[in-house]
Amino acid sequence: MGFPKIRMRRLRSSGSMRRIVRETTLSVNDLVYPLFVRDGSGLKEPIKSMSDCFHFSSDTVADEAGEVAALGIPAVLLFGLPDKKDDTGSQAWAEDGVVQRSIKEIKKAAPELLIITDICLCAYTKSGHCGVIKDGRIDNDATCELLAKVALSHAQAGADIVAPSDMMDGRVSYIREALEKNGFYDTAIMSYAAKYASAFYGPFRDAAGSAPAQDLAGTALADRKTYQMDPANADQALAEIALDIEEGADIVMVKPALCYLDIIRRAKDRFDCPIAAYNVSGEYMMVNCAANAGLLEKESAMLEVLTSIKRAGADIIITYFAKKVAKKLKSS
């Protein structure tokens, strides 16, 4: 047998060779860093379920946002935890709500930083659901009207991008109409277009206080499967994305990322708009827990995970690893 004419290993022979032929490059410009803000003052409290993540109050989140901006990360995604909840989640659109106050503080501290705000009711309702309940079901259209109020209040406070995560039908249309009727033509919408009813949200629901209420166990509202997507469905995800774009979404998201890399790829191949992917809390903590147990090297696993999401086609990656990645890229 003669020598092989093609030796693929030639292109892996050194670090410089690997870099020059690398097909996918992770950049700080790809990243969005999630932040949790809650009522109170002087807060920077560790979140027990999520390593290296914190609850901030509106007066301390500005310092964190300044650090994020200094690392070159272009955007943060805000999640709010109110001090009181009710059946409709009214604190979500309160003019002096914790997210609204935080937006203003961040804008003063880091005006160049894009502020994305999560638009949902789950952290604000007593039920822990993303919508208002009527006759034992989520009332889709009534919820959409409230989500539009939330989005408008965030835009009025200075949000650059509003991100509805509720998975109600038609909510992008309601939000786009409310924004434009009030002159917010430049406020972008990043829709959680293909959001699956996933097992990987557990740490986040603990951090955000957004799990369905315990007294709903055993009912049709025990989980979110009546509005979040069935993990078995792929074609349906493309239909959801197409509808959100038609209704006025500027950016569409696939959530979670790792179990749905195929959906990210199909969305990238089909749609001519930015594709975001959320490297969710369960995915984040899998890496952390395995690393803490000595089963893998955290930094390498972190970069491999995020590179896979980028390689699948994501233009934007929302990840709790954003600061660590930014520091690593800066030093390399």
C-alpha atoms as a PDB file:
ATOM      1  CA  MET A   1       0.000   0.000   0.000  1.00  0.00           C
ATOM      2  CA  GLY A   2       1.389   3.433  -0.928  1.00  0.00           C
ATOM      3  CA  PHE A   3       1.548   6.447   1.339  1.00  0.00           C
ATOM      4  CA  PRO A   4      -1.722   8.398   1.729  1.00  0.00           C
ATOM      5  CA  LYS A   5      -1.852  11.370  -0.645  1.00  0.00           C
ATOM      6  CA  ILE A   6      -4.111  13.307   1.683  1.00  0.00           C
ATOM      7  CA  ARG A   7      -3.078  13.660   5.302  1.00  0.00           C
ATOM      8  CA  MET A   8      -5.682  15.635   7.223  1.00  0.00           C
ATOM      9  CA  ARG A   9      -3.374  15.714  10.225  1.00  0.00           C
ATOM     10  CA  ARG A  10      -1.155  18.233   8.405  1.00  0.00           C
ATOM     11  CA  LEU A  11      -3.744  20.878   9.221  1.00  0.00           C
ATOM     12  CA  ARG A  12      -3.640  19.983  12.941  1.00  0.00           C
ATOM     13  CA  SER A  13       0.134  19.893  13.358  1.00  0.00           C
ATOM     14  CA  SER A  14       0.510  23.011  15.545  1.00  0.00           C
ATOM     15  CA  GLY A  15      -1.509  25.615  17.380  1.00  0.00           C
ATOM     16  CA  SER A  16      -0.818  28.178  14.669  1.00  0.00           C
ATOM     17  CA  MET A  17      -1.866  25.751  11.937  1.00  0.00           C
ATOM     18  CA  ARG A  18      -5.082  24.920  13.777  1.00  0.00           C
ATOM     19  CA  ARG A  19      -5.891  28.603  14.217  1.00  0.00           C
ATOM     20  CA  ILE A  20      -5.305  29.556  10.593  1.00  0.00           C
ATOM     21  CA  VAL A  21      -7.687  26.884   9.248  1.00  0.00           C
ATOM     22  CA  ARG A  22     -10.265  27.178  12.023  1.00  0.00           C
ATOM     23  CA  GLU A  23     -13.791  27.333  10.606  1.00  0.00           C
ATOM     24  CA  THR A  24     -15.643  28.652  13.662  1.00  0.00           C
ATOM     25  CA  THR A  25     -14.362  31.433  15.871  1.00  0.00           C
ATOM     26  CA  LEU A  26     -15.981  32.436  19.137  1.00  0.00           C
ATOM     27  CA  SER A  27     -15.940  36.195  19.749  1.00  0.00           C
ATOM     28  CA  VAL A  28     -16.867  38.425  22.660  1.00  0.00           C
ATOM     29  CA  ASN A  29     -19.243  40.119  20.212  1.00  0.00           C
ATOM     30  CA  ASP A  30     -21.349  36.943  20.169  1.00  0.00           C
ATOM     31  CA  LEU A  31     -22.164  37.111  23.872  1.00  0.00           C
ATOM     32  CA  VAL A  32     -25.029  38.304  26.056  1.00  0.00           C
ATOM     33  CA  TYR A  33     -24.739  38.128  29.858  1.00  0.00           C
ATOM     34  CA  PRO A  34     -27.917  37.491  31.905  1.00  0.00           C
ATOM     35  CA  LEU A  35     -28.413  39.462  35.125  1.00  0.00           C
ATOM     36  CA  PHE A  36     -30.948  38.929  37.918  1.00  0.00           C
ATOM     37  CA  VAL A  37     -32.276  42.058  39.653  1.00  0.00           C
ATOM     38  CA  ARG A  38     -34.530  42.118  42.684  1.00  0.00           C
ATOM     39  CA  ASP A  39     -36.102  44.643  44.999  1.00  0.00           C
ATOM     40  CA  GLY A  40     -33.928  45.914  47.825  1.00  0.00           C
ATOM     41  CA  SER A  41     -30.735  47.948  48.121  1.00  0.00           C
ATOM     42  CA  GLY A  42     -27.044  47.168  48.379  1.00  0.00           C
ATOM     43  CA  LEU A  43     -27.601  43.586  47.201  1.00  0.00           C
ATOM     44  CA  LYS A  44     -25.103  41.247  45.622  1.00  0.00           C
ATOM     45  CA  GLU A  45     -26.226  37.874  46.892  1.00  0.00           C
ATOM     46  CA  PRO A  46     -24.897  34.553  45.525  1.00  0.00           C
ATOM     47  CA  ILE A  47     -27.498  32.358  43.844  1.00  0.00           C
ATOM     48  CA  LYS A  48     -27.156  28.935  45.453  1.00  0.00           C
ATOM     49  CA  SER A  49     -28.399  27.005  42.433  1.00  0.00           C
ATOM     50  CA  MET A  50     -26.141  28.791  39.919  1.00  0.00           C
ATOM     51  CA  SER A  51     -22.380  29.018  40.435  1.00  0.00           C
ATOM     52  CA  ASP A  52     -20.845  32.506  40.192  1.00  0.00           C
ATOM     53  CA  CYS A  53     -24.235  34.151  39.588  1.00  0.00           C
ATOM     54  CA  PHE A  54     -25.836  36.764  41.838  1.00  0.00           C
ATOM     55  CA  HIS A  55     -28.999  38.639  42.679  1.00  0.00           C
ATOM     56  CA  PHE A  56     -28.411  42.375  42.386  1.00  0.00           C
ATOM     57  CA  SER A  57     -30.522  45.316  43.457  1.00  0.00           C
ATOM     58  CA  SER A  58     -31.021  48.200  41.042  1.00  0.00           C
ATOM     59  CA  ASP A  59     -28.362  50.268  42.847  1.00  0.00           C
ATOM     60  CA  THR A  60     -25.657  47.592  42.597  1.00  0.00           C
ATOM     61  CA  VAL A  61     -26.358  46.135  39.147  1.00  0.00           C
ATOM     62  CA  ALA A  62     -24.832  49.219  37.512  1.00  0.00           C
ATOM     63  CA  ASP A  63     -21.362  48.288  38.789  1.00  0.00           C
ATOM     64  CA  GLU A  64     -21.770  44.778  37.407  1.00  0.00           C
ATOM     65  CA  ALA A  65     -22.961  46.160  34.085  1.00  0.00           C
ATOM     66  CA  GLY A  66     -19.929  48.445  33.979  1.00  0.00           C
ATOM     67  CA  GLU A  67     -17.665  45.420  34.389  1.00  0.00           C
ATOM     68  CA  VAL A  68     -19.531  43.599  31.623  1.00  0.00           C
ATOM     69  CA  ALA A  69     -19.128  46.584  29.296  1.00  0.00           C
ATOM     70  CA  ALA A  70     -15.421  46.882  30.127  1.00  0.00           C
ATOM     71  CA  LEU A  71     -14.952  43.265  29.014  1.00  0.00           C
ATOM     72  CA  GLY A  72     -16.376  44.170  25.613  1.00  0.00           C
ATOM     73  CA  ILE A  73     -19.572  42.155  25.997  1.00  0.00           C
ATOM     74  CA  PRO A  74     -22.152  44.086  23.970  1.00  0.00           C
ATOM     75  CA  ALA A  75     -25.354  43.308  25.877  1.00  0.00           C
ATOM     76  CA  VAL A  76     -26.992  42.153  29.093  1.00  0.00           C
ATOM     77  CA  LEU A  77     -30.340  40.418  29.541  1.00  0.00           C
ATOM     78  CA  LEU A  78     -32.299  41.490  32.610  1.00  0.00           C
ATOM     79  CA  PHE A  79     -34.617  39.291  34.670  1.00  0.00           C
ATOM     80  CA  GLY A  80     -36.623  40.855  37.484  1.00  0.00           C
ATOM     81  CA  LEU A  81     -37.719  39.452  40.852  1.00  0.00           C
ATOM     82  CA  PRO A  82     -40.420  41.611  42.477  1.00  0.00           C
ATOM     83  CA  ASP A  83     -41.054  41.945  46.202  1.00  0.00           C
ATOM     84  CA  LYS A  84     -44.739  41.081  45.749  1.00  0.00           C
ATOM     85  CA  LYS A  85     -46.761  38.983  43.328  1.00  0.00           C
ATOM     86  CA  ASP A  86     -50.397  38.924  42.284  1.00  0.00           C
ATOM     87  CA  ASP A  87     -52.664  37.068  39.878  1.00  0.00           C
ATOM     88  CA  THR A  88     -51.821  39.251  36.862  1.00  0.00           C
ATOM     89  CA  GLY A  89     -48.158  40.028  37.570  1.00  0.00           C
ATOM     90  CA  SER A  90     -48.806  43.769  37.725  1.00  0.00           C
ATOM     91  CA  GLN A  91     -45.344  44.591  39.092  1.00  0.00           C
ATOM     92  CA  ALA A  92     -43.954  43.569  35.711  1.00  0.00           C
ATOM     93  CA  TRP A  93     -45.164  46.821  34.106  1.00  0.00           C
ATOM     94  CA  ALA A  94     -44.913  49.110  37.136  1.00  0.00           C
ATOM     95  CA  GLU A  95     -43.163  52.365  36.292  1.00  0.00           C
ATOM     96  CA  ASP A  96     -40.948  51.988  39.374  1.00  0.00           C
ATOM     97  CA  GLY A  97     -40.498  48.218  38.997  1.00  0.00           C
ATOM     98  CA  VAL A  98     -37.120  46.662  39.666  1.00  0.00           C
ATOM     99  CA  VAL A  99     -36.305  46.103  35.981  1.00  0.00           C
ATOM    100  CA  GLN A 100     -37.401  49.604  35.037  1.00  0.00           C
ATOM    101  CA  ARG A 101     -35.195  51.125  37.762  1.00  0.00           C
ATOM    102  CA  SER A 102     -32.285  48.886  36.819  1.00  0.00           C
ATOM    103  CA  ILE A 103     -32.468  49.903  33.164  1.00  0.00           C
ATOM    104  CA  LYS A 104     -32.058  53.540  34.128  1.00  0.00           C
ATOM    105  CA  GLU A 105     -29.126  52.830  36.460  1.00  0.00           C
ATOM    106  CA  ILE A 106     -27.325  50.739  33.863  1.00  0.00           C
ATOM    107  CA  LYS A 107     -27.831  53.369  31.177  1.00  0.00           C
ATOM    108  CA  LYS A 108     -26.154  55.935  33.411  1.00  0.00           C
ATOM    109  CA  ALA A 109     -23.215  53.658  34.241  1.00  0.00           C
ATOM    110  CA  ALA A 110     -22.645  52.025  30.840  1.00  0.00           C
ATOM    111  CA  PRO A 111     -24.526  53.882  28.096  1.00  0.00           C
ATOM    112  CA  GLU A 112     -22.816  51.851  25.357  1.00  0.00           C
ATOM    113  CA  LEU A 113     -24.203  48.569  26.714  1.00  0.00           C
ATOM    114  CA  LEU A 114     -27.292  47.172  25.021  1.00  0.00           C
ATOM    115  CA  ILE A 115     -30.034  46.323  27.493  1.00  0.00           C
ATOM    116  CA  ILE A 116     -32.300  43.408  26.643  1.00  0.00           C
ATOM    117  CA  THR A 117     -35.224  42.766  28.966  1.00  0.00           C
ATOM    118  CA  ASP A 118     -37.102  39.535  29.466  1.00  0.00           C
ATOM    119  CA  ILE A 119     -40.820  40.024  28.838  1.00  0.00           C
ATOM    120  CA  CYS A 120     -42.807  37.485  30.810  1.00  0.00           C
ATOM    121  CA  LEU A 121     -45.108  37.211  33.821  1.00  0.00           C
ATOM    122  CA  CYS A 122     -43.849  34.006  35.458  1.00  0.00           C
ATOM    123  CA  ALA A 123     -41.692  35.726  38.104  1.00  0.00           C
ATOM    124  CA  TYR A 124     -44.489  38.186  38.882  1.00  0.00           C
ATOM    125  CA  THR A 125     -47.581  35.969  39.176  1.00  0.00           C
ATOM    126  CA  LYS A 126     -48.631  33.962  42.221  1.00  0.00           C
ATOM    127  CA  SER A 127     -49.144  30.962  39.952  1.00  0.00           C
ATOM    128  CA  GLY A 128     -45.607  31.100  38.559  1.00  0.00           C
ATOM    129  CA  HIS A 129     -47.055  30.847  35.066  1.00  0.00           C
ATOM    130  CA  CYS A 130     -46.160  32.985  32.071  1.00  0.00           C
ATOM    131  CA  GLY A 131     -49.751  34.138  31.638  1.00  0.00           C
ATOM    132  CA  VAL A 132     -52.971  34.915  33.446  1.00  0.00           C
ATOM    133  CA  ILE A 133     -55.183  31.995  34.411  1.00  0.00           C
ATOM    134  CA  LYS A 134     -58.867  31.826  33.551  1.00  0.00           C
ATOM    135  CA  ASP A 135     -61.051  28.757  34.089  1.00  0.00           C
ATOM    136  CA  GLY A 136     -58.049  26.547  34.726  1.00  0.00           C
ATOM    137  CA  ARG A 137     -56.216  27.569  31.539  1.00  0.00           C
ATOM    138  CA  ILE A 138     -53.786  30.256  30.431  1.00  0.00           C
ATOM    139  CA  ASP A 139     -55.779  33.014  28.714  1.00  0.00           C
ATOM    140  CA  ASN A 140     -53.636  33.635  25.636  1.00  0.00           C
ATOM    141  CA  ASP A 141     -55.017  36.955  24.377  1.00  0.00           C
ATOM    142  CA  ALA A 142     -55.463  38.545  27.798  1.00  0.00           C
ATOM    143  CA  THR A 143     -51.844  37.624  28.526  1.00  0.00           C
ATOM    144  CA  CYS A 144     -50.668  39.186  25.265  1.00  0.00           C
ATOM    145  CA  GLU A 145     -52.266  42.483  26.234  1.00  0.00           C
ATOM    146  CA  LEU A 146     -50.352  42.481  29.522  1.00  0.00           C
ATOM    147  CA  LEU A 147     -47.084  41.493  27.855  1.00  0.00           C
ATOM    148  CA  ALA A 148     -47.446  44.482  25.551  1.00  0.00           C
ATOM    149  CA  LYS A 149     -47.776  46.697  28.639  1.00  0.00           C
ATOM    150  CA  VAL A 150     -44.615  45.182  30.096  1.00  0.00           C
ATOM    151  CA  ALA A 151     -42.651  45.689  26.886  1.00  0.00           C
ATOM    152  CA  LEU A 152     -43.819  49.303  26.572  1.00  0.00           C
ATOM    153  CA  SER A 153     -42.848  50.077  30.160  1.00  0.00           C
ATOM    154  CA  HIS A 154     -39.360  48.655  29.541  1.00  0.00           C
ATOM    155  CA  ALA A 155     -38.975  50.669  26.348  1.00  0.00           C
ATOM    156  CA  GLN A 156     -40.059  53.808  28.184  1.00  0.00           C
ATOM    157  CA  ALA A 157     -37.390  53.116  30.814  1.00  0.00           C
ATOM    158  CA  GLY A 158     -34.732  52.839  28.093  1.00  0.00           C
ATOM    159  CA  ALA A 159     -34.501  49.167  27.053  1.00  0.00           C
ATOM    160  CA  ASP A 160     -32.926  48.658  23.635  1.00  0.00           C
ATOM    161  CA  ILE A 161     -34.387  45.203  22.982  1.00  0.00           C
ATOM    162  CA  VAL A 162     -37.431  43.528  24.507  1.00  0.00           C
ATOM    163  CA  ALA A 163     -37.483  39.739  24.588  1.00  0.00           C
ATOM    164  CA  PRO A 164     -40.860  37.999  25.050  1.00  0.00           C
ATOM    165  CA  SER A 165     -40.255  34.542  26.526  1.00  0.00           C
ATOM    166  CA  ASP A 166     -43.821  33.473  27.298  1.00  0.00           C
ATOM    167  CA  MET A 167     -44.685  31.508  24.119  1.00  0.00           C
ATOM    168  CA  MET A 168     -48.194  32.953  23.816  1.00  0.00           C
ATOM    169  CA  ASP A 169     -49.551  32.952  20.267  1.00  0.00           C
ATOM    170  CA  GLY A 170     -49.436  36.393  18.657  1.00  0.00           C
ATOM    171  CA  ARG A 171     -47.541  38.169  21.424  1.00  0.00           C
ATOM    172  CA  VAL A 172     -44.923  39.645  19.069  1.00  0.00           C
ATOM    173  CA  SER A 173     -47.695  41.339  17.096  1.00  0.00           C
ATOM    174  CA  TYR A 174     -49.238  42.805  20.273  1.00  0.00           C
ATOM    175  CA  ILE A 175     -45.845  44.086  21.425  1.00  0.00           C
ATOM    176  CA  ARG A 176     -44.845  45.546  18.053  1.00  0.00           C
ATOM    177  CA  GLU A 177     -48.147  47.397  17.821  1.00  0.00           C
ATOM    178  CA  ALA A 178     -47.828  48.824  21.340  1.00  0.00           C
ATOM    179  CA  LEU A 179     -44.261  49.976  20.737  1.00  0.00           C
ATOM    180  CA  GLU A 180     -44.966  51.677  17.437  1.00  0.00           C
ATOM    181  CA  LYS A 181     -48.195  53.301  18.595  1.00  0.00           C
ATOM    182  CA  ASN A 182     -46.136  54.974  21.302  1.00  0.00           C
ATOM    183  CA  GLY A 183     -43.265  56.034  19.055  1.00  0.00           C
ATOM    184  CA  PHE A 184     -40.753  53.299  19.947  1.00  0.00           C
ATOM    185  CA  TYR A 185     -39.981  52.405  16.343  1.00  0.00           C
ATOM    186  CA  ASP A 186     -36.337  51.600  17.067  1.00  0.00           C
ATOM    187  CA  THR A 187     -36.914  49.238  19.986  1.00  0.00           C
ATOM    188  CA  ALA A 188     -36.013  45.788  18.714  1.00  0.00           C
ATOM    189  CA  ILE A 189     -37.844  42.566  19.556  1.00  0.00           C
ATOM    190  CA  MET A 190     -35.879  39.394  20.236  1.00  0.00           C
ATOM    191  CA  SER A 191     -38.495  36.686  20.507  1.00  0.00           C
ATOM    192  CA  TYR A 192     -38.020  33.395  22.315  1.00  0.00           C
ATOM    193  CA  ALA A 193     -39.468  31.898  19.150  1.00  0.00           C
ATOM    194  CA  ALA A 194     -38.678  28.212  19.691  1.00  0.00           C
ATOM    195  CA  LYS A 195     -38.737  27.760  23.452  1.00  0.00           C
ATOM    196  CA  TYR A 196     -39.065  24.163  24.525  1.00  0.00           C
ATOM    197  CA  ALA A 197     -40.704  22.702  27.640  1.00  0.00           C
ATOM    198  CA  SER A 198     -37.285  21.595  28.825  1.00  0.00           C
ATOM    199  CA  ALA A 199     -35.916  19.872  31.917  1.00  0.00           C
ATOM    200  CA  PHE A 200     -32.892  22.194  31.778  1.00  0.00           C
ATOM    201  CA  TYR A 201     -34.524  25.283  33.357  1.00  0.00           C
ATOM    202  CA  GLY A 202     -34.427  24.117  36.973  1.00  0.00           C
ATOM    203  CA  PRO A 203     -31.593  26.300  38.347  1.00  0.00           C
ATOM    204  CA  PHE A 204     -33.022  29.376  36.621  1.00  0.00           C
ATOM    205  CA  ARG A 205     -36.494  28.841  38.064  1.00  0.00           C
ATOM    206  CA  ASP A 206     -34.941  28.696  41.507  1.00  0.00           C
ATOM    207  CA  ALA A 207     -32.941  31.872  40.821  1.00  0.00           C
ATOM    208  CA  ALA A 208     -35.903  33.762  39.364  1.00  0.00           C
ATOM    209  CA  GLY A 209     -38.569  32.411  41.724  1.00  0.00           C
ATOM    210  CA  SER A 210     -40.564  31.434  38.662  1.00  0.00           C
ATOM    211  CA  ALA A 211     -41.491  27.767  39.101  1.00  0.00           C
ATOM    212  CA  PRO A 212     -45.210  26.891  38.836  1.00  0.00           C
ATOM    213  CA  ALA A 213     -46.856  27.052  42.268  1.00  0.00           C
ATOM    214  CA  GLN A 214     -46.894  23.850  44.309  1.00  0.00           C
ATOM    215  CA  ASP A 215     -50.669  23.951  44.744  1.00  0.00           C
ATOM    216  CA  LEU A 216     -51.028  23.427  40.976  1.00  0.00           C
ATOM    217  CA  ALA A 217     -49.463  19.952  41.155  1.00  0.00           C
ATOM    218  CA  GLY A 218     -51.675  17.324  39.606  1.00  0.00           C
ATOM    219  CA  THR A 219     -53.534  19.844  37.432  1.00  0.00           C
ATOM    220  CA  ALA A 220     -53.197  20.855  33.786  1.00  0.00           C
ATOM    221  CA  LEU A 221     -51.142  23.804  35.054  1.00  0.00           C
ATOM    222  CA  ALA A 222     -48.555  21.707  36.892  1.00  0.00           C
ATOM    223  CA  ASP A 223     -46.061  22.516  34.124  1.00  0.00           C
ATOM    224  CA  ARG A 224     -45.780  24.693  31.008  1.00  0.00           C
ATOM    225  CA  LYS A 225     -46.335  22.037  28.377  1.00  0.00           C
ATOM    226  CA  THR A 226     -49.554  23.650  27.124  1.00  0.00           C
ATOM    227  CA  TYR A 227     -47.610  26.626  25.761  1.00  0.00           C
ATOM    228  CA  GLN A 228     -43.898  25.789  25.586  1.00  0.00           C
ATOM    229  CA  MET A 229     -42.868  23.470  22.760  1.00  0.00           C
ATOM    230  CA  ASP A 230     -42.744  19.675  22.827  1.00  0.00           C
ATOM    231  CA  PRO A 231     -39.054  18.625  22.726  1.00  0.00           C
ATOM    232  CA  ALA A 232     -39.913  16.036  20.052  1.00  0.00           C
ATOM    233  CA  ASN A 233     -40.918  18.647  17.469  1.00  0.00           C
ATOM    234  CA  ALA A 234     -38.595  20.309  14.973  1.00  0.00           C
ATOM    235  CA  ASP A 235     -40.768  21.384  12.034  1.00  0.00           C
ATOM    236  CA  GLN A 236     -43.085  23.121  14.472  1.00  0.00           C
ATOM    237  CA  ALA A 237     -40.145  25.220  15.688  1.00  0.00           C
ATOM    238  CA  LEU A 238     -39.612  26.576  12.187  1.00  0.00           C
ATOM    239  CA  ALA A 239     -43.303  27.436  11.965  1.00  0.00           C
ATOM    240  CA  GLU A 240     -43.096  29.297  15.290  1.00  0.00           C
ATOM    241  CA  ILE A 241     -40.037  31.231  14.109  1.00  0.00           C
ATOM    242  CA  ALA A 242     -41.671  32.142  10.797  1.00  0.00           C
ATOM    243  CA  LEU A 243     -44.750  33.468  12.588  1.00  0.00           C
ATOM    244  CA  ASP A 244     -42.688  35.626  14.957  1.00  0.00           C
ATOM    245  CA  ILE A 245     -40.727  37.132  12.070  1.00  0.00           C
ATOM    246  CA  GLU A 246     -43.971  37.844  10.219  1.00  0.00           C
ATOM    247  CA  GLU A 247     -45.332  39.568  13.341  1.00  0.00           C
ATOM    248  CA  GLY A 248     -42.312  41.857  13.650  1.00  0.00           C
ATOM    249  CA  ALA A 249     -39.507  40.072  15.508  1.00  0.00           C
ATOM    250  CA  ASP A 250     -36.037  41.361  14.602  1.00  0.00           C
ATOM    251  CA  ILE A 251     -34.106  38.521  16.258  1.00  0.00           C
ATOM    252  CA  VAL A 252     -35.368  35.010  16.991  1.00  0.00           C
ATOM    253  CA  MET A 253     -34.153  32.650  19.692  1.00  0.00           C
ATOM    254  CA  VAL A 254     -33.871  28.918  20.188  1.00  0.00           C
ATOM    255  CA  LYS A 255     -33.956  27.829  23.836  1.00  0.00           C
ATOM    256  CA  PRO A 256     -32.301  25.679  25.193  1.00  0.00           C
ATOM    257  CA  ALA A 257     -29.225  25.410  22.970  1.00  0.00           C
ATOM    258  CA  LEU A 258     -27.394  22.113  23.459  1.00  0.00           C
ATOM    259  CA  CYS A 259     -30.267  19.667  22.967  1.00  0.00           C
ATOM    260  CA  TYR A 260     -31.534  21.781  20.065  1.00  0.00           C
ATOM    261  CA  LEU A 261     -28.444  22.422  17.943  1.00  0.00           C
ATOM    262  CA  ASP A 262     -30.335  20.922  15.005  1.00  0.00           C
ATOM    263  CA  ILE A 263     -33.041  23.576  15.394  1.00  0.00           C
ATOM    264  CA  ILE A 264     -30.430  26.352  15.460  1.00  0.00           C
ATOM    265  CA  ARG A 265     -28.893  24.982  12.251  1.00  0.00           C
ATOM    266  CA  ARG A 266     -32.231  24.675  10.471  1.00  0.00           C
ATOM    267  CA  ALA A 267     -33.251  28.170  11.546  1.00  0.00           C
ATOM    268  CA  LYS A 268     -29.957  29.624  10.315  1.00  0.00           C
ATOM    269  CA  ASP A 269     -30.308  27.893   6.962  1.00  0.00           C
ATOM    270  CA  ARG A 270     -33.882  29.065   6.433  1.00  0.00           C
ATOM    271  CA  PHE A 271     -34.246  32.560   7.902  1.00  0.00           C
ATOM    272  CA  ASP A 272     -32.464  35.789   7.016  1.00  0.00           C
ATOM    273  CA  CYS A 273     -32.400  37.309  10.483  1.00  0.00           C
ATOM    274  CA  PRO A 274     -30.088  37.033  13.486  1.00  0.00           C
ATOM    275  CA  ILE A 275     -30.440  33.754  15.364  1.00  0.00           C
ATOM    276  CA  ALA A 276     -29.937  33.782  19.138  1.00  0.00           C
ATOM    277  CA  ALA A 277     -29.447  30.701  21.306  1.00  0.00           C
ATOM    278  CA  TYR A 278     -29.761  30.480  25.088  1.00  0.00           C
ATOM    279  CA  ASN A 279     -27.175  28.331  26.849  1.00  0.00           C
ATOM    280  CA  VAL A 280     -29.564  27.785  29.732  1.00  0.00           C
ATOM    281  CA  SER A 281     -29.008  27.298  33.448  1.00  0.00           C
ATOM    282  CA  GLY A 282     -29.158  23.493  33.433  1.00  0.00           C
ATOM    283  CA  GLU A 283     -26.580  23.331  30.638  1.00  0.00           C
ATOM    284  CA  TYR A 284     -24.399  25.807  32.522  1.00  0.00           C
ATOM    285  CA  MET A 285     -24.617  23.879  35.776  1.00  0.00           C
ATOM    286  CA  MET A 286     -23.921  20.512  34.107  1.00  0.00           C
ATOM    287  CA  VAL A 287     -20.489  21.838  33.183  1.00  0.00           C
ATOM    288  CA  ASN A 288     -19.950  23.415  36.599  1.00  0.00           C
ATOM    289  CA  CYS A 289     -21.012  20.335  38.554  1.00  0.00           C
ATOM    290  CA  ALA A 290     -18.948  17.980  36.419  1.00  0.00           C
ATOM    291  CA  ALA A 291     -15.914  20.240  36.768  1.00  0.00           C
ATOM    292  CA  ASN A 292     -16.403  20.530  40.533  1.00  0.00           C
ATOM    293  CA  ALA A 293     -16.508  16.723  40.711  1.00  0.00           C
ATOM    294  CA  GLY A 294     -13.192  16.535  38.865  1.00  0.00           C
ATOM    295  CA  LEU A 295     -14.779  14.879  35.829  1.00  0.00           C
ATOM    296  CA  LEU A 296     -13.772  17.470  33.256  1.00  0.00           C
ATOM    297  CA  GLU A 297     -11.768  20.665  32.849  1.00  0.00           C
ATOM    298  CA  LYS A 298     -14.209  23.573  33.131  1.00  0.00           C
ATOM    299  CA  GLU A 299     -12.602  26.106  30.822  1.00  0.00           C
ATOM    300  CA  SER A 300     -12.132  23.637  27.961  1.00  0.00           C
ATOM    301  CA  ALA A 301     -15.679  22.310  28.335  1.00  0.00           C
ATOM    302  CA  MET A 302     -17.091  25.846  28.472  1.00  0.00           C
ATOM    303  CA  LEU A 303     -15.361  26.829  25.229  1.00  0.00           C
ATOM    304  CA  GLU A 304     -16.328  23.575  23.523  1.00  0.00           C
ATOM    305  CA  VAL A 305     -19.992  24.017  24.444  1.00  0.00           C
ATOM    306  CA  LEU A 306     -20.170  27.615  23.252  1.00  0.00           C
ATOM    307  CA  THR A 307     -18.224  26.896  20.075  1.00  0.00           C
ATOM    308  CA  SER A 308     -20.699  24.121  19.254  1.00  0.00           C
ATOM    309  CA  ILE A 309     -23.565  26.604  19.568  1.00  0.00           C
ATOM    310  CA  LYS A 310     -21.773  29.078  17.319  1.00  0.00           C
ATOM    311  CA  ARG A 311     -20.898  26.304  14.830  1.00  0.00           C
ATOM    312  CA  ALA A 312     -24.559  25.275  14.682  1.00  0.00           C
ATOM    313  CA  GLY A 313     -25.386  28.745  13.401  1.00  0.00           C
ATOM    314  CA  ALA A 314     -26.107  31.017  16.364  1.00  0.00           C
ATOM    315  CA  ASP A 315     -25.225  34.666  15.822  1.00  0.00           C
ATOM    316  CA  ILE A 316     -25.915  35.564  19.462  1.00  0.00           C
ATOM    317  CA  ILE A 317     -25.228  33.349  22.485  1.00  0.00           C
ATOM    318  CA  ILE A 318     -26.862  34.132  25.823  1.00  0.00           C
ATOM    319  CA  THR A 319     -24.748  32.487  28.491  1.00  0.00           C
ATOM    320  CA  TYR A 320     -23.836  32.723  32.166  1.00  0.00           C
ATOM    321  CA  PHE A 321     -20.281  31.953  31.030  1.00  0.00           C
ATOM    322  CA  ALA A 322     -20.061  35.273  29.144  1.00  0.00           C
ATOM    323  CA  LYS A 323     -17.727  37.046  31.565  1.00  0.00           C
ATOM    324  CA  LYS A 324     -15.405  34.054  31.860  1.00  0.00           C
ATOM    325  CA  VAL A 325     -15.281  33.651  28.091  1.00  0.00           C
ATOM    326  CA  ALA A 326     -14.622  37.354  27.576  1.00  0.00           C
ATOM    327  CA  LYS A 327     -11.721  37.260  30.029  1.00  0.00           C
ATOM    328  CA  LYS A 328     -10.306  34.152  28.369  1.00  0.00           C
ATOM    329  CA  LEU A 329     -10.540  35.653  24.879  1.00  0.00           C
ATOM    330  CA  LYS A 330      -8.937  38.863  26.095  1.00  0.00           C
ATOM    331  CA  SER A 331      -5.960  36.993  27.540  1.00  0.00           C
ATOM    332  CA  SER A 332      -5.406  34.667  24.579  1.00  0.00           C
END
